[in-house]
């Protein structure tokens, strides 16, 4: 296959390039942003284009979809640097033919790439080829009520810590409010992230708010702007 690699991280791009060459494929070029990759794909006759989801421009799903639609003869395969169900689902909706994670081993990424490139353009609507890990995360996203199922495993103290995270409290503030050591508060927060399959506090908060996992009594002045121009959310 003739392949274009679009990734802003040269070390990762070089590693993938080396492995693909060893597998007998030709790397036409490497690009560091989506626009540059699109121009190369348009100019050269390539079979596939591997796009890092975090690439400048690729995070905008409309931009990615426009590039994919402009090259029906090229199989676009997205590599995501994290198993974010929403991001993976958005990528598939952009019309890419394959989705894998950067944490997948090369054999699995090559399987997705080969299967995606072997499909005819008319098969785009049938859905993308997914790596096993990407498929697992997308399946988890599609199960109804899964967020509430996860929340059932939270202890009362973990729910309290989650509610305080939603209110924007720091670990020190959470510890003070709950009357525990900072290390204990941090343990509660870590447990929340683990049980909600969240990779960051912001992701846990977004999931909690979206799925209604906690009830929060917001301060009366929450969201108001003080005279200094900052949002007053309490201490």
C-alpha atoms as a PDB file:
ATOM      1  CA  UNK A   1       0.000   0.000   0.000  1.00  0.00           C
ATOM      2  CA  UNK A   2       0.981   3.608  -0.582  1.00  0.00           C
ATOM      3  CA  UNK A   3       0.382   5.416   2.694  1.00  0.00           C
ATOM      4  CA  UNK A   4       0.450   8.971   4.046  1.00  0.00           C
ATOM      5  CA  UNK A   5       1.022   9.458   7.779  1.00  0.00           C
ATOM      6  CA  UNK A   6      -0.387  12.575   9.441  1.00  0.00           C
ATOM      7  CA  UNK A   7       0.939  13.102  12.964  1.00  0.00           C
ATOM      8  CA  UNK A   8       2.528  16.123  14.636  1.00  0.00           C
ATOM      9  CA  UNK A   9       4.781  13.940  16.788  1.00  0.00           C
ATOM     10  CA  UNK A  10       7.824  12.972  14.659  1.00  0.00           C
ATOM     11  CA  UNK A  11       8.977  10.192  16.992  1.00  0.00           C
ATOM     12  CA  UNK A  12       5.673   8.337  16.725  1.00  0.00           C
ATOM     13  CA  UNK A  13       5.439   8.998  12.980  1.00  0.00           C
ATOM     14  CA  UNK A  14       8.953   7.668  12.428  1.00  0.00           C
ATOM     15  CA  UNK A  15       8.201   4.550  14.473  1.00  0.00           C
ATOM     16  CA  UNK A  16       5.038   3.812  12.480  1.00  0.00           C
ATOM     17  CA  UNK A  17       6.871   4.561   9.223  1.00  0.00           C
ATOM     18  CA  UNK A  18       9.639   2.092  10.070  1.00  0.00           C
ATOM     19  CA  UNK A  19       7.193  -0.673  11.025  1.00  0.00           C
ATOM     20  CA  UNK A  20       5.032  -0.164   7.933  1.00  0.00           C
ATOM     21  CA  UNK A  21       8.097  -0.275   5.679  1.00  0.00           C
ATOM     22  CA  UNK A  22       9.148  -3.534   7.337  1.00  0.00           C
ATOM     23  CA  UNK A  23       5.652  -4.855   6.558  1.00  0.00           C
ATOM     24  CA  UNK A  24       6.248  -4.088   2.866  1.00  0.00           C
ATOM     25  CA  UNK A  25       4.328  -0.830   2.502  1.00  0.00           C
ATOM     26  CA  UNK A  26       5.435   2.460   0.940  1.00  0.00           C
ATOM     27  CA  UNK A  27       5.292   5.681   2.932  1.00  0.00           C
ATOM     28  CA  UNK A  28       4.643   8.472   0.433  1.00  0.00           C
ATOM     29  CA  UNK A  29       4.992  11.317   2.925  1.00  0.00           C
ATOM     30  CA  UNK A  30       4.449  12.454   6.505  1.00  0.00           C
ATOM     31  CA  UNK A  31       2.433  15.564   7.390  1.00  0.00           C
ATOM     32  CA  UNK A  32       2.147  17.509  10.628  1.00  0.00           C
ATOM     33  CA  UNK A  33      -1.354  18.907  10.124  1.00  0.00           C
ATOM     34  CA  UNK A  34      -4.569  17.855   8.404  1.00  0.00           C
ATOM     35  CA  UNK A  35      -4.441  20.467   5.625  1.00  0.00           C
ATOM     36  CA  UNK A  36      -0.970  19.355   4.566  1.00  0.00           C
ATOM     37  CA  UNK A  37      -2.068  15.722   4.601  1.00  0.00           C
ATOM     38  CA  UNK A  38      -5.124  16.569   2.484  1.00  0.00           C
ATOM     39  CA  UNK A  39      -2.945  18.266  -0.152  1.00  0.00           C
ATOM     40  CA  UNK A  40      -0.616  15.263  -0.333  1.00  0.00           C
ATOM     41  CA  UNK A  41      -3.530  12.848  -0.644  1.00  0.00           C
ATOM     42  CA  UNK A  42      -5.012  14.998  -3.409  1.00  0.00           C
ATOM     43  CA  UNK A  43      -1.694  15.208  -5.271  1.00  0.00           C
ATOM     44  CA  UNK A  44      -0.542  11.616  -4.891  1.00  0.00           C
ATOM     45  CA  UNK A  45      -2.351   8.372  -5.547  1.00  0.00           C
ATOM     46  CA  UNK A  46      -2.378   6.804  -2.103  1.00  0.00           C
ATOM     47  CA  UNK A  47      -4.277   3.839  -0.740  1.00  0.00           C
ATOM     48  CA  UNK A  48      -4.497   4.960   2.862  1.00  0.00           C
ATOM     49  CA  UNK A  49      -3.922   7.899   5.172  1.00  0.00           C
ATOM     50  CA  UNK A  50      -3.257   7.402   8.879  1.00  0.00           C
ATOM     51  CA  UNK A  51      -4.427  10.409  10.879  1.00  0.00           C
ATOM     52  CA  UNK A  52      -3.705  11.068  14.556  1.00  0.00           C
ATOM     53  CA  UNK A  53      -6.946  12.309  16.100  1.00  0.00           C
ATOM     54  CA  UNK A  54      -5.038  14.971  18.055  1.00  0.00           C
ATOM     55  CA  UNK A  55      -3.499  16.375  14.857  1.00  0.00           C
ATOM     56  CA  UNK A  56      -4.132  20.124  14.303  1.00  0.00           C
ATOM     57  CA  UNK A  57      -7.369  20.321  12.341  1.00  0.00           C
ATOM     58  CA  UNK A  58      -8.303  16.669  12.837  1.00  0.00           C
ATOM     59  CA  UNK A  59      -9.980  17.387  16.167  1.00  0.00           C
ATOM     60  CA  UNK A  60     -12.606  19.367  14.256  1.00  0.00           C
ATOM     61  CA  UNK A  61     -14.835  16.585  13.003  1.00  0.00           C
ATOM     62  CA  UNK A  62     -16.284  18.719  10.198  1.00  0.00           C
ATOM     63  CA  UNK A  63     -12.752  19.350   8.888  1.00  0.00           C
ATOM     64  CA  UNK A  64     -11.934  15.655   9.037  1.00  0.00           C
ATOM     65  CA  UNK A  65     -15.175  14.731   7.294  1.00  0.00           C
ATOM     66  CA  UNK A  66     -14.502  17.251   4.526  1.00  0.00           C
ATOM     67  CA  UNK A  67     -11.055  15.795   3.880  1.00  0.00           C
ATOM     68  CA  UNK A  68     -12.381  12.216   3.951  1.00  0.00           C
ATOM     69  CA  UNK A  69     -15.216  13.048   1.554  1.00  0.00           C
ATOM     70  CA  UNK A  70     -12.813  14.785  -0.854  1.00  0.00           C
ATOM     71  CA  UNK A  71     -10.767  11.592  -1.329  1.00  0.00           C
ATOM     72  CA  UNK A  72     -13.169   8.653  -1.788  1.00  0.00           C
ATOM     73  CA  UNK A  73     -10.394   6.455  -3.138  1.00  0.00           C
ATOM     74  CA  UNK A  74      -8.295   6.730   0.016  1.00  0.00           C
ATOM     75  CA  UNK A  75      -8.939   4.795   3.198  1.00  0.00           C
ATOM     76  CA  UNK A  76      -8.586   7.106   6.198  1.00  0.00           C
ATOM     77  CA  UNK A  77      -7.664   5.426   9.463  1.00  0.00           C
ATOM     78  CA  UNK A  78      -7.750   7.391  12.703  1.00  0.00           C
ATOM     79  CA  UNK A  79      -5.418   6.722  15.626  1.00  0.00           C
ATOM     80  CA  UNK A  80      -6.660   8.140  18.935  1.00  0.00           C
ATOM     81  CA  UNK A  81      -4.249   8.799  21.787  1.00  0.00           C
ATOM     82  CA  UNK A  82      -6.887   7.984  24.413  1.00  0.00           C
ATOM     83  CA  UNK A  83      -9.932   5.761  24.655  1.00  0.00           C
ATOM     84  CA  UNK A  84     -12.481   8.568  24.709  1.00  0.00           C
ATOM     85  CA  UNK A  85     -15.819   7.083  23.537  1.00  0.00           C
ATOM     86  CA  UNK A  86     -17.167  10.469  22.407  1.00  0.00           C
ATOM     87  CA  UNK A  87     -14.063  11.228  20.353  1.00  0.00           C
ATOM     88  CA  UNK A  88     -14.015   7.775  18.790  1.00  0.00           C
ATOM     89  CA  UNK A  89     -17.709   7.986  17.930  1.00  0.00           C
ATOM     90  CA  UNK A  90     -17.197  11.409  16.327  1.00  0.00           C
ATOM     91  CA  UNK A  91     -14.352  10.030  14.232  1.00  0.00           C
ATOM     92  CA  UNK A  92     -16.498   7.200  12.893  1.00  0.00           C
ATOM     93  CA  UNK A  93     -19.255   9.684  12.069  1.00  0.00           C
ATOM     94  CA  UNK A  94     -16.738  11.613   9.948  1.00  0.00           C
ATOM     95  CA  UNK A  95     -16.610   8.638   7.564  1.00  0.00           C
ATOM     96  CA  UNK A  96     -13.177   7.233   8.331  1.00  0.00           C
ATOM     97  CA  UNK A  97     -12.763   3.572   7.417  1.00  0.00           C
ATOM     98  CA  UNK A  98     -10.720   2.514  10.429  1.00  0.00           C
ATOM     99  CA  UNK A  99     -10.260   3.467  14.086  1.00  0.00           C
ATOM    100  CA  UNK A 100      -7.542   2.274  16.470  1.00  0.00           C
ATOM    101  CA  UNK A 101      -5.750   3.516  19.568  1.00  0.00           C
ATOM    102  CA  UNK A 102      -2.108   4.541  19.676  1.00  0.00           C
ATOM    103  CA  UNK A 103      -1.790   2.187  22.633  1.00  0.00           C
ATOM    104  CA  UNK A 104      -2.782  -0.773  20.424  1.00  0.00           C
ATOM    105  CA  UNK A 105       0.093  -3.002  19.376  1.00  0.00           C
ATOM    106  CA  UNK A 106       1.334  -2.624  15.809  1.00  0.00           C
ATOM    107  CA  UNK A 107      -0.156  -5.946  14.671  1.00  0.00           C
ATOM    108  CA  UNK A 108      -3.631  -4.712  15.647  1.00  0.00           C
ATOM    109  CA  UNK A 109      -3.119  -1.323  13.995  1.00  0.00           C
ATOM    110  CA  UNK A 110      -1.894  -3.067  10.829  1.00  0.00           C
ATOM    111  CA  UNK A 111      -4.956  -5.331  10.880  1.00  0.00           C
ATOM    112  CA  UNK A 112      -7.264  -2.319  11.027  1.00  0.00           C
ATOM    113  CA  UNK A 113      -5.325  -0.515   8.296  1.00  0.00           C
ATOM    114  CA  UNK A 114      -5.304  -3.517   5.956  1.00  0.00           C
ATOM    115  CA  UNK A 115      -8.999  -4.269   6.470  1.00  0.00           C
ATOM    116  CA  UNK A 116      -9.954  -0.613   6.013  1.00  0.00           C
ATOM    117  CA  UNK A 117      -7.938  -0.255   2.795  1.00  0.00           C
ATOM    118  CA  UNK A 118      -9.318  -3.474   1.304  1.00  0.00           C
ATOM    119  CA  UNK A 119     -12.908  -2.235   1.487  1.00  0.00           C
ATOM    120  CA  UNK A 120     -14.495  -0.524  -1.476  1.00  0.00           C
ATOM    121  CA  UNK A 121     -15.455   3.170  -1.182  1.00  0.00           C
ATOM    122  CA  UNK A 122     -19.131   2.212  -1.393  1.00  0.00           C
ATOM    123  CA  UNK A 123     -18.722   0.267   1.841  1.00  0.00           C
ATOM    124  CA  UNK A 124     -18.051   3.455   3.845  1.00  0.00           C
ATOM    125  CA  UNK A 125     -21.594   3.576   5.123  1.00  0.00           C
ATOM    126  CA  UNK A 126     -21.289   0.065   6.523  1.00  0.00           C
ATOM    127  CA  UNK A 127     -19.152   1.384   9.374  1.00  0.00           C
ATOM    128  CA  UNK A 128     -15.482   1.630  10.202  1.00  0.00           C
ATOM    129  CA  UNK A 129     -13.110  -1.215  11.004  1.00  0.00           C
ATOM    130  CA  UNK A 130     -12.339  -0.966  14.731  1.00  0.00           C
ATOM    131  CA  UNK A 131      -9.482  -2.277  16.800  1.00  0.00           C
ATOM    132  CA  UNK A 132     -10.525  -4.525  19.661  1.00  0.00           C
ATOM    133  CA  UNK A 133      -9.898  -1.816  22.262  1.00  0.00           C
ATOM    134  CA  UNK A 134     -11.753   0.864  20.273  1.00  0.00           C
ATOM    135  CA  UNK A 135     -14.655  -1.523  19.751  1.00  0.00           C
ATOM    136  CA  UNK A 136     -14.779  -2.217  23.477  1.00  0.00           C
ATOM    137  CA  UNK A 137     -14.978   1.473  24.381  1.00  0.00           C
ATOM    138  CA  UNK A 138     -17.589   2.282  21.737  1.00  0.00           C
ATOM    139  CA  UNK A 139     -19.699  -0.683  22.829  1.00  0.00           C
ATOM    140  CA  UNK A 140     -19.522   0.565  26.423  1.00  0.00           C
ATOM    141  CA  UNK A 141     -20.714   3.984  25.267  1.00  0.00           C
ATOM    142  CA  UNK A 142     -23.737   2.510  23.497  1.00  0.00           C
ATOM    143  CA  UNK A 143     -25.011   0.521  26.475  1.00  0.00           C
ATOM    144  CA  UNK A 144     -27.991   2.405  27.971  1.00  0.00           C
ATOM    145  CA  UNK A 145     -27.755   3.394  31.600  1.00  0.00           C
ATOM    146  CA  UNK A 146     -24.126   2.381  31.839  1.00  0.00           C
ATOM    147  CA  UNK A 147     -23.232   5.576  33.660  1.00  0.00           C
ATOM    148  CA  UNK A 148     -25.724   4.822  36.393  1.00  0.00           C
ATOM    149  CA  UNK A 149     -24.457   1.240  36.553  1.00  0.00           C
ATOM    150  CA  UNK A 150     -20.956   2.587  37.161  1.00  0.00           C
ATOM    151  CA  UNK A 151     -22.250   5.015  39.772  1.00  0.00           C
ATOM    152  CA  UNK A 152     -23.696   2.137  41.810  1.00  0.00           C
ATOM    153  CA  UNK A 153     -20.134   1.113  42.651  1.00  0.00           C
ATOM    154  CA  UNK A 154     -19.328   4.495  44.196  1.00  0.00           C
ATOM    155  CA  UNK A 155     -19.291   4.641  47.982  1.00  0.00           C
ATOM    156  CA  UNK A 156     -21.097   7.452  49.788  1.00  0.00           C
ATOM    157  CA  UNK A 157     -17.822   9.259  50.424  1.00  0.00           C
ATOM    158  CA  UNK A 158     -16.782   8.857  46.782  1.00  0.00           C
ATOM    159  CA  UNK A 159     -20.123  10.332  45.696  1.00  0.00           C
ATOM    160  CA  UNK A 160     -19.481  13.267  48.013  1.00  0.00           C
ATOM    161  CA  UNK A 161     -16.015  13.735  46.548  1.00  0.00           C
ATOM    162  CA  UNK A 162     -17.481  13.603  43.020  1.00  0.00           C
ATOM    163  CA  UNK A 163     -20.096  16.209  43.917  1.00  0.00           C
ATOM    164  CA  UNK A 164     -17.371  18.487  45.222  1.00  0.00           C
ATOM    165  CA  UNK A 165     -15.337  17.934  42.054  1.00  0.00           C
ATOM    166  CA  UNK A 166     -18.359  19.049  40.059  1.00  0.00           C
ATOM    167  CA  UNK A 167     -18.448  22.201  42.182  1.00  0.00           C
ATOM    168  CA  UNK A 168     -14.862  22.881  41.195  1.00  0.00           C
ATOM    169  CA  UNK A 169     -13.226  22.197  44.563  1.00  0.00           C
ATOM    170  CA  UNK A 170      -9.549  21.341  44.774  1.00  0.00           C
ATOM    171  CA  UNK A 171      -8.217  18.284  46.577  1.00  0.00           C
ATOM    172  CA  UNK A 172      -7.282  20.423  49.589  1.00  0.00           C
ATOM    173  CA  UNK A 173     -10.760  21.968  49.652  1.00  0.00           C
ATOM    174  CA  UNK A 174     -12.380  18.540  49.355  1.00  0.00           C
ATOM    175  CA  UNK A 175     -10.298  17.262  52.273  1.00  0.00           C
ATOM    176  CA  UNK A 176     -11.228  20.277  54.406  1.00  0.00           C
ATOM    177  CA  UNK A 177     -14.941  19.989  53.553  1.00  0.00           C
ATOM    178  CA  UNK A 178     -15.043  16.242  54.208  1.00  0.00           C
ATOM    179  CA  UNK A 179     -12.921  16.452  57.351  1.00  0.00           C
ATOM    180  CA  UNK A 180     -10.281  14.031  56.091  1.00  0.00           C
ATOM    181  CA  UNK A 181      -6.599  14.085  55.241  1.00  0.00           C
ATOM    182  CA  UNK A 182      -5.538  15.354  51.832  1.00  0.00           C
ATOM    183  CA  UNK A 183      -4.186  11.892  51.010  1.00  0.00           C
ATOM    184  CA  UNK A 184      -7.585  10.389  51.841  1.00  0.00           C
ATOM    185  CA  UNK A 185      -9.386  12.927  49.679  1.00  0.00           C
ATOM    186  CA  UNK A 186      -6.978  12.169  46.850  1.00  0.00           C
ATOM    187  CA  UNK A 187      -7.714   8.447  47.248  1.00  0.00           C
ATOM    188  CA  UNK A 188     -11.454   9.139  46.995  1.00  0.00           C
ATOM    189  CA  UNK A 189     -10.901  11.166  43.803  1.00  0.00           C
ATOM    190  CA  UNK A 190      -8.675   8.468  42.294  1.00  0.00           C
ATOM    191  CA  UNK A 191     -11.340   5.852  43.070  1.00  0.00           C
ATOM    192  CA  UNK A 192     -13.982   8.005  41.369  1.00  0.00           C
ATOM    193  CA  UNK A 193     -11.875   8.320  38.219  1.00  0.00           C
ATOM    194  CA  UNK A 194     -11.234   4.569  38.157  1.00  0.00           C
ATOM    195  CA  UNK A 195     -14.873   3.576  38.659  1.00  0.00           C
ATOM    196  CA  UNK A 196     -16.130   6.076  36.062  1.00  0.00           C
ATOM    197  CA  UNK A 197     -13.447   5.062  33.554  1.00  0.00           C
ATOM    198  CA  UNK A 198     -12.409   8.724  33.414  1.00  0.00           C
ATOM    199  CA  UNK A 199      -8.895   9.778  32.425  1.00  0.00           C
ATOM    200  CA  UNK A 200      -9.039  13.167  34.127  1.00  0.00           C
ATOM    201  CA  UNK A 201     -11.031  15.104  36.690  1.00  0.00           C
ATOM    202  CA  UNK A 202     -12.623  17.212  33.969  1.00  0.00           C
ATOM    203  CA  UNK A 203     -13.786  14.074  32.154  1.00  0.00           C
ATOM    204  CA  UNK A 204     -15.259  12.694  35.391  1.00  0.00           C
ATOM    205  CA  UNK A 205     -17.074  15.979  35.998  1.00  0.00           C
ATOM    206  CA  UNK A 206     -18.417  16.094  32.431  1.00  0.00           C
ATOM    207  CA  UNK A 207     -19.663  12.520  32.734  1.00  0.00           C
ATOM    208  CA  UNK A 208     -21.243  13.151  36.140  1.00  0.00           C
ATOM    209  CA  UNK A 209     -23.101  16.229  34.910  1.00  0.00           C
ATOM    210  CA  UNK A 210     -24.163  14.673  31.600  1.00  0.00           C
ATOM    211  CA  UNK A 211     -25.428  11.440  33.150  1.00  0.00           C
ATOM    212  CA  UNK A 212     -26.862  12.963  36.334  1.00  0.00           C
ATOM    213  CA  UNK A 213     -24.735  10.806  38.602  1.00  0.00           C
ATOM    214  CA  UNK A 214     -24.753  13.235  41.528  1.00  0.00           C
ATOM    215  CA  UNK A 215     -27.031  15.886  42.955  1.00  0.00           C
ATOM    216  CA  UNK A 216     -25.250  19.103  43.777  1.00  0.00           C
ATOM    217  CA  UNK A 217     -26.558  21.972  45.902  1.00  0.00           C
ATOM    218  CA  UNK A 218     -24.954  24.881  44.068  1.00  0.00           C
ATOM    219  CA  UNK A 219     -24.001  27.971  46.090  1.00  0.00           C
ATOM    220  CA  UNK A 220     -26.460  30.836  45.727  1.00  0.00           C
ATOM    221  CA  UNK A 221     -23.791  32.998  44.067  1.00  0.00           C
ATOM    222  CA  UNK A 222     -22.451  30.260  41.762  1.00  0.00           C
ATOM    223  CA  UNK A 223     -21.703  31.615  38.292  1.00  0.00           C
ATOM    224  CA  UNK A 224     -21.942  35.282  39.302  1.00  0.00           C
ATOM    225  CA  UNK A 225     -19.127  37.635  38.368  1.00  0.00           C
ATOM    226  CA  UNK A 226     -17.479  39.537  41.170  1.00  0.00           C
ATOM    227  CA  UNK A 227     -16.198  43.074  40.891  1.00  0.00           C
ATOM    228  CA  UNK A 228     -12.726  41.814  40.045  1.00  0.00           C
ATOM    229  CA  UNK A 229     -13.975  40.096  36.898  1.00  0.00           C
ATOM    230  CA  UNK A 230     -13.621  36.513  38.143  1.00  0.00           C
ATOM    231  CA  UNK A 231     -16.389  33.983  38.508  1.00  0.00           C
ATOM    232  CA  UNK A 232     -17.380  33.536  42.171  1.00  0.00           C
ATOM    233  CA  UNK A 233     -17.663  29.817  42.887  1.00  0.00           C
ATOM    234  CA  UNK A 234     -16.879  29.830  46.565  1.00  0.00           C
ATOM    235  CA  UNK A 235     -13.666  28.974  48.399  1.00  0.00           C
END
